[in-house]
Amino acid sequence: LERTIGLPVTQQIELTDTVPYGPLPELNIDEALQQAYSR
């Protein structure tokens, strides 16, 4: 992880966030695809 974010590998780190989880809200697939094509 430190290699990907520019920290020396000797740096001690602590992750403050816990493992996030929540059911994904309903997603309109057609609107989602149009969003993907435009963005």
ModelCIF file with pLDDT and N, C-alpha, C, O atoms, coordinates in Angstrom:
data_MODEL
#
_entry.id   MODEL 
#
_entity.id                         1 
_entity.type                       polymer 
_entity.pdbx_number_of_molecules   1 
#
_entity_poly.entity_id                      1 
_entity_poly.type                           'polypeptide(L)' 
_entity_poly.nstd_linkage                   no 
_entity_poly.nstd_monomer                   no 
_entity_poly.pdbx_seq_one_letter_code       LERTIGLPVTQQIELTDTVPYGPLPELNIDEALQQAYSR 
_entity_poly.pdbx_seq_one_letter_code_can   LERTIGLPVTQQIELTDTVPYGPLPELNIDEALQQAYSR 
_entity_poly.pdbx_strand_id                 A 
#
loop_
_entity_poly_seq.entity_id 
_entity_poly_seq.num 
_entity_poly_seq.mon_id 
_entity_poly_seq.hetero 
1 1  LEU n 
1 2  GLU n 
1 3  ARG n 
1 4  THR n 
1 5  ILE n 
1 6  GLY n 
1 7  LEU n 
1 8  PRO n 
1 9  VAL n 
1 10 THR n 
1 11 GLN n 
1 12 GLN n 
1 13 ILE n 
1 14 GLU n 
1 15 LEU n 
1 16 THR n 
1 17 ASP n 
1 18 THR n 
1 19 VAL n 
1 20 PRO n 
1 21 TYR n 
1 22 GLY n 
1 23 PRO n 
1 24 LEU n 
1 25 PRO n 
1 26 GLU n 
1 27 LEU n 
1 28 ASN n 
1 29 ILE n 
1 30 ASP n 
1 31 GLU n 
1 32 ALA n 
1 33 LEU n 
1 34 GLN n 
1 35 GLN n 
1 36 ALA n 
1 37 TYR n 
1 38 SER n 
1 39 ARG n 
#
_struct_asym.id          A 
_struct_asym.entity_id   1 
#
loop_
_ma_qa_metric.id 
_ma_qa_metric.mode 
_ma_qa_metric.name 
_ma_qa_metric.software_group_id 
_ma_qa_metric.type 
1 global pLDDT . pLDDT 
2 local  pLDDT . pLDDT 
#
_ma_qa_metric_global.metric_id      1 
_ma_qa_metric_global.metric_value   87.92 
_ma_qa_metric_global.model_id       1 
_ma_qa_metric_global.ordinal_id     1 
#
loop_
_ma_qa_metric_local.label_asym_id 
_ma_qa_metric_local.label_comp_id 
_ma_qa_metric_local.label_seq_id 
_ma_qa_metric_local.metric_id 
_ma_qa_metric_local.metric_value 
_ma_qa_metric_local.model_id 
_ma_qa_metric_local.ordinal_id 
A LEU 1  2 94.00 1 1  
A GLU 2  2 95.00 1 2  
A ARG 3  2 93.00 1 3  
A THR 4  2 93.00 1 4  
A ILE 5  2 94.00 1 5  
A GLY 6  2 93.00 1 6  
A LEU 7  2 94.00 1 7  
A PRO 8  2 94.00 1 8  
A VAL 9  2 92.00 1 9  
A THR 10 2 92.00 1 10 
A GLN 11 2 93.00 1 11 
A GLN 12 2 93.00 1 12 
A ILE 13 2 94.00 1 13 
A GLU 14 2 93.00 1 14 
A LEU 15 2 92.00 1 15 
A THR 16 2 91.00 1 16 
A ASP 17 2 86.00 1 17 
A THR 18 2 84.00 1 18 
A VAL 19 2 77.00 1 19 
A PRO 20 2 72.00 1 20 
A TYR 21 2 78.00 1 21 
A GLY 22 2 76.00 1 22 
A PRO 23 2 79.00 1 23 
A LEU 24 2 79.00 1 24 
A PRO 25 2 78.00 1 25 
A GLU 26 2 82.00 1 26 
A LEU 27 2 81.00 1 27 
A ASN 28 2 86.00 1 28 
A ILE 29 2 88.00 1 29 
A ASP 30 2 89.00 1 30 
A GLU 31 2 88.00 1 31 
A ALA 32 2 87.00 1 32 
A LEU 33 2 91.00 1 33 
A GLN 34 2 91.00 1 34 
A GLN 35 2 87.00 1 35 
A ALA 36 2 89.00 1 36 
A TYR 37 2 92.00 1 37 
A SER 38 2 90.00 1 38 
A ARG 39 2 89.00 1 39 
#
loop_
_atom_site.group_PDB 
_atom_site.id 
_atom_site.type_symbol 
_atom_site.label_atom_id 
_atom_site.label_alt_id 
_atom_site.label_comp_id 
_atom_site.label_asym_id 
_atom_site.label_entity_id 
_atom_site.label_seq_id 
_atom_site.pdbx_PDB_ins_code 
_atom_site.Cartn_x 
_atom_site.Cartn_y 
_atom_site.Cartn_z 
_atom_site.occupancy 
_atom_site.B_iso_or_equiv 
_atom_site.pdbx_formal_charge 
_atom_site.auth_seq_id 
_atom_site.auth_comp_id 
_atom_site.auth_asym_id 
_atom_site.auth_atom_id 
_atom_site.pdbx_PDB_model_num 
ATOM 1   N N  . LEU A 1 1  ? 0.834   -1.206 0.000   1.00 94.00 ? 1  LEU A N  1 
ATOM 2   C CA . LEU A 1 1  ? 0.000   0.000  0.000   1.00 94.00 ? 1  LEU A CA 1 
ATOM 3   C C  . LEU A 1 1  ? 0.865   1.252  0.000   1.00 94.00 ? 1  LEU A C  1 
ATOM 4   O O  . LEU A 1 1  ? 0.586   2.201  -0.733  1.00 94.00 ? 1  LEU A O  1 
ATOM 5   N N  . GLU A 1 2  ? 1.913   1.260  0.816   1.00 95.00 ? 2  GLU A N  1 
ATOM 6   C CA . GLU A 1 2  ? 2.786   2.425  0.877   1.00 95.00 ? 2  GLU A CA 1 
ATOM 7   C C  . GLU A 1 2  ? 3.493   2.656  -0.451  1.00 95.00 ? 2  GLU A C  1 
ATOM 8   O O  . GLU A 1 2  ? 3.741   3.803  -0.823  1.00 95.00 ? 2  GLU A O  1 
ATOM 9   N N  . ARG A 1 3  ? 3.819   1.591  -1.169  1.00 93.00 ? 3  ARG A N  1 
ATOM 10  C CA . ARG A 1 3  ? 4.465   1.743  -2.478  1.00 93.00 ? 3  ARG A CA 1 
ATOM 11  C C  . ARG A 1 3  ? 3.560   2.479  -3.462  1.00 93.00 ? 3  ARG A C  1 
ATOM 12  O O  . ARG A 1 3  ? 4.054   3.242  -4.293  1.00 93.00 ? 3  ARG A O  1 
ATOM 13  N N  . THR A 1 4  ? 2.257   2.269  -3.387  1.00 93.00 ? 4  THR A N  1 
ATOM 14  C CA . THR A 1 4  ? 1.346   2.872  -4.361  1.00 93.00 ? 4  THR A CA 1 
ATOM 15  C C  . THR A 1 4  ? 1.003   4.315  -4.034  1.00 93.00 ? 4  THR A C  1 
ATOM 16  O O  . THR A 1 4  ? 0.529   5.040  -4.909  1.00 93.00 ? 4  THR A O  1 
ATOM 17  N N  . ILE A 1 5  ? 1.231   4.759  -2.786  1.00 94.00 ? 5  ILE A N  1 
ATOM 18  C CA . ILE A 1 5  ? 0.827   6.108  -2.399  1.00 94.00 ? 5  ILE A CA 1 
ATOM 19  C C  . ILE A 1 5  ? 2.015   6.997  -2.053  1.00 94.00 ? 5  ILE A C  1 
ATOM 20  O O  . ILE A 1 5  ? 1.826   8.102  -1.544  1.00 94.00 ? 5  ILE A O  1 
ATOM 21  N N  . GLY A 1 6  ? 3.236   6.536  -2.318  1.00 93.00 ? 6  GLY A N  1 
ATOM 22  C CA . GLY A 1 6  ? 4.398   7.394  -2.155  1.00 93.00 ? 6  GLY A CA 1 
ATOM 23  C C  . GLY A 1 6  ? 4.918   7.522  -0.741  1.00 93.00 ? 6  GLY A C  1 
ATOM 24  O O  . GLY A 1 6  ? 5.523   8.537  -0.395  1.00 93.00 ? 6  GLY A O  1 
ATOM 25  N N  . LEU A 1 7  ? 4.692   6.502  0.092   1.00 94.00 ? 7  LEU A N  1 
ATOM 26  C CA . LEU A 1 7  ? 5.246   6.503  1.436   1.00 94.00 ? 7  LEU A CA 1 
ATOM 27  C C  . LEU A 1 7  ? 6.435   5.549  1.497   1.00 94.00 ? 7  LEU A C  1 
ATOM 28  O O  . LEU A 1 7  ? 6.425   4.522  0.819   1.00 94.00 ? 7  LEU A O  1 
ATOM 29  N N  . PRO A 1 8  ? 7.464   5.861  2.294   1.00 94.00 ? 8  PRO A N  1 
ATOM 30  C CA . PRO A 1 8  ? 8.562   4.897  2.457   1.00 94.00 ? 8  PRO A CA 1 
ATOM 31  C C  . PRO A 1 8  ? 8.052   3.635  3.158   1.00 94.00 ? 8  PRO A C  1 
ATOM 32  O O  . PRO A 1 8  ? 7.173   3.709  4.017   1.00 94.00 ? 8  PRO A O  1 
ATOM 33  N N  . VAL A 1 9  ? 8.598   2.498  2.793   1.00 92.00 ? 9  VAL A N  1 
ATOM 34  C CA . VAL A 1 9  ? 8.095   1.232  3.334   1.00 92.00 ? 9  VAL A CA 1 
ATOM 35  C C  . VAL A 1 9  ? 8.432   1.064  4.812   1.00 92.00 ? 9  VAL A C  1 
ATOM 36  O O  . VAL A 1 9  ? 7.928   0.151  5.465   1.00 92.00 ? 9  VAL A O  1 
ATOM 37  N N  . THR A 1 10 ? 9.282   1.941  5.338   1.00 92.00 ? 10 THR A N  1 
ATOM 38  C CA . THR A 1 10 ? 9.597   1.891  6.767   1.00 92.00 ? 10 THR A CA 1 
ATOM 39  C C  . THR A 1 10 ? 8.585   2.669  7.606   1.00 92.00 ? 10 THR A C  1 
ATOM 40  O O  . THR A 1 10 ? 8.625   2.605  8.835   1.00 92.00 ? 10 THR A O  1 
ATOM 41  N N  . GLN A 1 11 ? 7.685   3.400  6.962   1.00 93.00 ? 11 GLN A N  1 
ATOM 42  C CA . GLN A 1 11 ? 6.703   4.203  7.684   1.00 93.00 ? 11 GLN A CA 1 
ATOM 43  C C  . GLN A 1 11 ? 5.628   3.312  8.293   1.00 93.00 ? 11 GLN A C  1 
ATOM 44  O O  . GLN A 1 11 ? 5.035   2.484  7.602   1.00 93.00 ? 11 GLN A O  1 
ATOM 45  N N  . GLN A 1 12 ? 5.381   3.484  9.581   1.00 93.00 ? 12 GLN A N  1 
ATOM 46  C CA . GLN A 1 12 ? 4.305   2.756  10.242  1.00 93.00 ? 12 GLN A CA 1 
ATOM 47  C C  . GLN A 1 12 ? 2.992   3.515  10.045  1.00 93.00 ? 12 GLN A C  1 
ATOM 48  O O  . GLN A 1 12 ? 2.928   4.726  10.261  1.00 93.00 ? 12 GLN A O  1 
ATOM 49  N N  . ILE A 1 13 ? 1.952   2.798  9.635   1.00 94.00 ? 13 ILE A N  1 
ATOM 50  C CA . ILE A 1 13 ? 0.665   3.429  9.358   1.00 94.00 ? 13 ILE A CA 1 
ATOM 51  C C  . ILE A 1 13 ? -0.441  2.699  10.105  1.00 94.00 ? 13 ILE A C  1 
ATOM 52  O O  . ILE A 1 13 ? -0.306  1.540  10.497  1.00 94.00 ? 13 ILE A O  1 
ATOM 53  N N  . GLU A 1 14 ? -1.532  3.419  10.283  1.00 93.00 ? 14 GLU A N  1 
ATOM 54  C CA . GLU A 1 14 ? -2.735  2.851  10.901  1.00 93.00 ? 14 GLU A CA 1 
ATOM 55  C C  . GLU A 1 14 ? -3.939  3.265  10.070  1.00 93.00 ? 14 GLU A C  1 
ATOM 56  O O  . GLU A 1 14 ? -4.128  4.451  9.799   1.00 93.00 ? 14 GLU A O  1 
ATOM 57  N N  . LEU A 1 15 ? -4.750  2.306  9.666   1.00 92.00 ? 15 LEU A N  1 
ATOM 58  C CA . LEU A 1 15 ? -5.934  2.597  8.874   1.00 92.00 ? 15 LEU A CA 1 
ATOM 59  C C  . LEU A 1 15 ? -7.080  2.968  9.810   1.00 92.00 ? 15 LEU A C  1 
ATOM 60  O O  . LEU A 1 15 ? -7.443  2.201  10.702  1.00 92.00 ? 15 LEU A O  1 
ATOM 61  N N  . THR A 1 16 ? -7.634  4.134  9.597   1.00 91.00 ? 16 THR A N  1 
ATOM 62  C CA . THR A 1 16 ? -8.675  4.632  10.502  1.00 91.00 ? 16 THR A CA 1 
ATOM 63  C C  . THR A 1 16 ? -10.072 4.172  10.097  1.00 91.00 ? 16 THR A C  1 
ATOM 64  O O  . THR A 1 16 ? -10.977 4.152  10.932  1.00 91.00 ? 16 THR A O  1 
ATOM 65  N N  . ASP A 1 17 ? -10.262 3.803  8.837   1.00 86.00 ? 17 ASP A N  1 
ATOM 66  C CA . ASP A 1 17 ? -11.577 3.348  8.388   1.00 86.00 ? 17 ASP A CA 1 
ATOM 67  C C  . ASP A 1 17 ? -11.713 1.846  8.605   1.00 86.00 ? 17 ASP A C  1 
ATOM 68  O O  . ASP A 1 17 ? -10.759 1.090  8.421   1.00 86.00 ? 17 ASP A O  1 
ATOM 69  N N  . THR A 1 18 ? -12.908 1.429  8.999   1.00 84.00 ? 18 THR A N  1 
ATOM 70  C CA . THR A 1 18 ? -13.200 0.004  9.088   1.00 84.00 ? 18 THR A CA 1 
ATOM 71  C C  . THR A 1 18 ? -13.659 -0.498 7.721   1.00 84.00 ? 18 THR A C  1 
ATOM 72  O O  . THR A 1 18 ? -13.824 0.286  6.787   1.00 84.00 ? 18 THR A O  1 
ATOM 73  N N  . VAL A 1 19 ? -13.860 -1.793 7.615   1.00 77.00 ? 19 VAL A N  1 
ATOM 74  C CA . VAL A 1 19 ? -14.300 -2.355 6.334   1.00 77.00 ? 19 VAL A CA 1 
ATOM 75  C C  . VAL A 1 19 ? -15.703 -1.850 6.043   1.00 77.00 ? 19 VAL A C  1 
ATOM 76  O O  . VAL A 1 19 ? -16.642 -2.195 6.761   1.00 77.00 ? 19 VAL A O  1 
ATOM 77  N N  . PRO A 1 20 ? -15.865 -1.033 4.994   1.00 72.00 ? 20 PRO A N  1 
ATOM 78  C CA . PRO A 1 20 ? -17.203 -0.497 4.716   1.00 72.00 ? 20 PRO A CA 1 
ATOM 79  C C  . PRO A 1 20 ? -18.109 -1.554 4.108   1.00 72.00 ? 20 PRO A C  1 
ATOM 80  O O  . PRO A 1 20 ? -17.662 -2.428 3.365   1.00 72.00 ? 20 PRO A O  1 
ATOM 81  N N  . TYR A 1 21 ? -19.389 -1.456 4.437   1.00 78.00 ? 21 TYR A N  1 
ATOM 82  C CA . TYR A 1 21 ? -20.357 -2.358 3.800   1.00 78.00 ? 21 TYR A CA 1 
ATOM 83  C C  . TYR A 1 21 ? -21.746 -1.739 3.871   1.00 78.00 ? 21 TYR A C  1 
ATOM 84  O O  . TYR A 1 21 ? -22.149 -1.181 4.892   1.00 78.00 ? 21 TYR A O  1 
ATOM 85  N N  . GLY A 1 22 ? -22.447 -1.851 2.786   1.00 76.00 ? 22 GLY A N  1 
ATOM 86  C CA . GLY A 1 22 ? -23.839 -1.444 2.719   1.00 76.00 ? 22 GLY A CA 1 
ATOM 87  C C  . GLY A 1 22 ? -24.423 -1.952 1.426   1.00 76.00 ? 22 GLY A C  1 
ATOM 88  O O  . GLY A 1 22 ? -23.748 -1.914 0.397   1.00 76.00 ? 22 GLY A O  1 
ATOM 89  N N  . PRO A 1 23 ? -25.657 -2.428 1.438   1.00 79.00 ? 23 PRO A N  1 
ATOM 90  C CA . PRO A 1 23 ? -26.285 -2.915 0.197   1.00 79.00 ? 23 PRO A CA 1 
ATOM 91  C C  . PRO A 1 23 ? -26.321 -1.818 -0.858  1.00 79.00 ? 23 PRO A C  1 
ATOM 92  O O  . PRO A 1 23 ? -26.674 -0.676 -0.562  1.00 79.00 ? 23 PRO A O  1 
ATOM 93  N N  . LEU A 1 24 ? -25.962 -2.161 -2.072  1.00 79.00 ? 24 LEU A N  1 
ATOM 94  C CA . LEU A 1 24 ? -25.950 -1.179 -3.155  1.00 79.00 ? 24 LEU A CA 1 
ATOM 95  C C  . LEU A 1 24 ? -27.374 -0.771 -3.498  1.00 79.00 ? 24 LEU A C  1 
ATOM 96  O O  . LEU A 1 24 ? -28.229 -1.636 -3.691  1.00 79.00 ? 24 LEU A O  1 
ATOM 97  N N  . PRO A 1 25 ? -27.651 0.541  -3.580  1.00 78.00 ? 25 PRO A N  1 
ATOM 98  C CA . PRO A 1 25 ? -29.002 0.981  -3.943  1.00 78.00 ? 25 PRO A CA 1 
ATOM 99  C C  . PRO A 1 25 ? -29.376 0.504  -5.351  1.00 78.00 ? 25 PRO A C  1 
ATOM 100 O O  . PRO A 1 25 ? -28.514 0.182  -6.169  1.00 78.00 ? 25 PRO A O  1 
ATOM 101 N N  . GLU A 1 26 ? -30.667 0.472  -5.600  1.00 82.00 ? 26 GLU A N  1 
ATOM 102 C CA . GLU A 1 26 ? -31.153 0.082  -6.918  1.00 82.00 ? 26 GLU A CA 1 
ATOM 103 C C  . GLU A 1 26 ? -30.588 1.020  -7.982  1.00 82.00 ? 26 GLU A C  1 
ATOM 104 O O  . GLU A 1 26 ? -30.539 2.235  -7.795  1.00 82.00 ? 26 GLU A O  1 
ATOM 105 N N  . LEU A 1 27 ? -30.167 0.439  -9.088  1.00 81.00 ? 27 LEU A N  1 
ATOM 106 C CA . LEU A 1 27 ? -29.520 1.200  -10.151 1.00 81.00 ? 27 LEU A CA 1 
ATOM 107 C C  . LEU A 1 27 ? -30.229 0.930  -11.465 1.00 81.00 ? 27 LEU A C  1 
ATOM 108 O O  . LEU A 1 27 ? -30.360 -0.219 -11.886 1.00 81.00 ? 27 LEU A O  1 
ATOM 109 N N  . ASN A 1 28 ? -30.691 2.004  -12.118 1.00 86.00 ? 28 ASN A N  1 
ATOM 110 C CA . ASN A 1 28 ? -31.302 1.867  -13.443 1.00 86.00 ? 28 ASN A CA 1 
ATOM 111 C C  . ASN A 1 28 ? -30.181 1.611  -14.450 1.00 86.00 ? 28 ASN A C  1 
ATOM 112 O O  . ASN A 1 28 ? -29.354 2.487  -14.700 1.00 86.00 ? 28 ASN A O  1 
ATOM 113 N N  . ILE A 1 29 ? -30.158 0.416  -15.021 1.00 88.00 ? 29 ILE A N  1 
ATOM 114 C CA . ILE A 1 29 ? -29.029 0.015  -15.850 1.00 88.00 ? 29 ILE A CA 1 
ATOM 115 C C  . ILE A 1 29 ? -28.916 0.875  -17.097 1.00 88.00 ? 29 ILE A C  1 
ATOM 116 O O  . ILE A 1 29 ? -27.807 1.207  -17.515 1.00 88.00 ? 29 ILE A O  1 
ATOM 117 N N  . ASP A 1 30 ? -30.054 1.247  -17.709 1.00 89.00 ? 30 ASP A N  1 
ATOM 118 C CA . ASP A 1 30 ? -29.999 2.063  -18.930 1.00 89.00 ? 30 ASP A CA 1 
ATOM 119 C C  . ASP A 1 30 ? -29.442 3.453  -18.636 1.00 89.00 ? 30 ASP A C  1 
ATOM 120 O O  . ASP A 1 30 ? -28.606 3.962  -19.383 1.00 89.00 ? 30 ASP A O  1 
ATOM 121 N N  . GLU A 1 31 ? -29.909 4.070  -17.538 1.00 88.00 ? 31 GLU A N  1 
ATOM 122 C CA . GLU A 1 31 ? -29.392 5.381  -17.167 1.00 88.00 ? 31 GLU A CA 1 
ATOM 123 C C  . GLU A 1 31 ? -27.920 5.294  -16.789 1.00 88.00 ? 31 GLU A C  1 
ATOM 124 O O  . GLU A 1 31 ? -27.138 6.195  -17.091 1.00 88.00 ? 31 GLU A O  1 
ATOM 125 N N  . ALA A 1 32 ? -27.548 4.201  -16.127 1.00 87.00 ? 32 ALA A N  1 
ATOM 126 C CA . ALA A 1 32 ? -26.153 4.026  -15.734 1.00 87.00 ? 32 ALA A CA 1 
ATOM 127 C C  . ALA A 1 32 ? -25.254 3.914  -16.959 1.00 87.00 ? 32 ALA A C  1 
ATOM 128 O O  . ALA A 1 32 ? -24.163 4.484  -16.979 1.00 87.00 ? 32 ALA A O  1 
ATOM 129 N N  . LEU A 1 33 ? -25.698 3.187  -17.977 1.00 91.00 ? 33 LEU A N  1 
ATOM 130 C CA . LEU A 1 33 ? -24.893 3.038  -19.187 1.00 91.00 ? 33 LEU A CA 1 
ATOM 131 C C  . LEU A 1 33 ? -24.760 4.359  -19.930 1.00 91.00 ? 33 LEU A C  1 
ATOM 132 O O  . LEU A 1 33 ? -23.681 4.687  -20.423 1.00 91.00 ? 33 LEU A O  1 
ATOM 133 N N  . GLN A 1 34 ? -25.852 5.125  -20.016 1.00 91.00 ? 34 GLN A N  1 
ATOM 134 C CA . GLN A 1 34 ? -25.764 6.430  -20.662 1.00 91.00 ? 34 GLN A CA 1 
ATOM 135 C C  . GLN A 1 34 ? -24.810 7.351  -19.913 1.00 91.00 ? 34 GLN A C  1 
ATOM 136 O O  . GLN A 1 34 ? -24.086 8.142  -20.518 1.00 91.00 ? 34 GLN A O  1 
ATOM 137 N N  . GLN A 1 35 ? -24.820 7.236  -18.582 1.00 87.00 ? 35 GLN A N  1 
ATOM 138 C CA . GLN A 1 35 ? -23.871 8.014  -17.790 1.00 87.00 ? 35 GLN A CA 1 
ATOM 139 C C  . GLN A 1 35 ? -22.442 7.597  -18.088 1.00 87.00 ? 35 GLN A C  1 
ATOM 140 O O  . GLN A 1 35 ? -21.548 8.437  -18.191 1.00 87.00 ? 35 GLN A O  1 
ATOM 141 N N  . ALA A 1 36 ? -22.233 6.288  -18.225 1.00 89.00 ? 36 ALA A N  1 
ATOM 142 C CA . ALA A 1 36 ? -20.886 5.797  -18.511 1.00 89.00 ? 36 ALA A CA 1 
ATOM 143 C C  . ALA A 1 36 ? -20.405 6.283  -19.871 1.00 89.00 ? 36 ALA A C  1 
ATOM 144 O O  . ALA A 1 36 ? -19.246 6.675  -20.011 1.00 89.00 ? 36 ALA A O  1 
ATOM 145 N N  . TYR A 1 37 ? -21.286 6.263  -20.884 1.00 92.00 ? 37 TYR A N  1 
ATOM 146 C CA . TYR A 1 37 ? -20.884 6.696  -22.221 1.00 92.00 ? 37 TYR A CA 1 
ATOM 147 C C  . TYR A 1 37 ? -20.565 8.190  -22.255 1.00 92.00 ? 37 TYR A C  1 
ATOM 148 O O  . TYR A 1 37 ? -19.747 8.626  -23.065 1.00 92.00 ? 37 TYR A O  1 
ATOM 149 N N  . SER A 1 38 ? -21.193 8.967  -21.396 1.00 90.00 ? 38 SER A N  1 
ATOM 150 C CA . SER A 1 38 ? -20.991 10.421 -21.423 1.00 90.00 ? 38 SER A CA 1 
ATOM 151 C C  . SER A 1 38 ? -19.893 10.890 -20.479 1.00 90.00 ? 38 SER A C  1 
ATOM 152 O O  . SER A 1 38 ? -19.410 12.016 -20.602 1.00 90.00 ? 38 SER A O  1 
ATOM 153 N N  . ARG A 1 39 ? -19.486 10.024 -19.521 1.00 89.00 ? 39 ARG A N  1 
ATOM 154 C CA . ARG A 1 39 ? -18.546 10.487 -18.509 1.00 89.00 ? 39 ARG A CA 1 
ATOM 155 C C  . ARG A 1 39 ? -17.272 9.645  -18.417 1.00 89.00 ? 39 ARG A C  1 
ATOM 156 O O  . ARG A 1 39 ? -16.399 9.934  -17.599 1.00 89.00 ? 39 ARG A O  1 
#
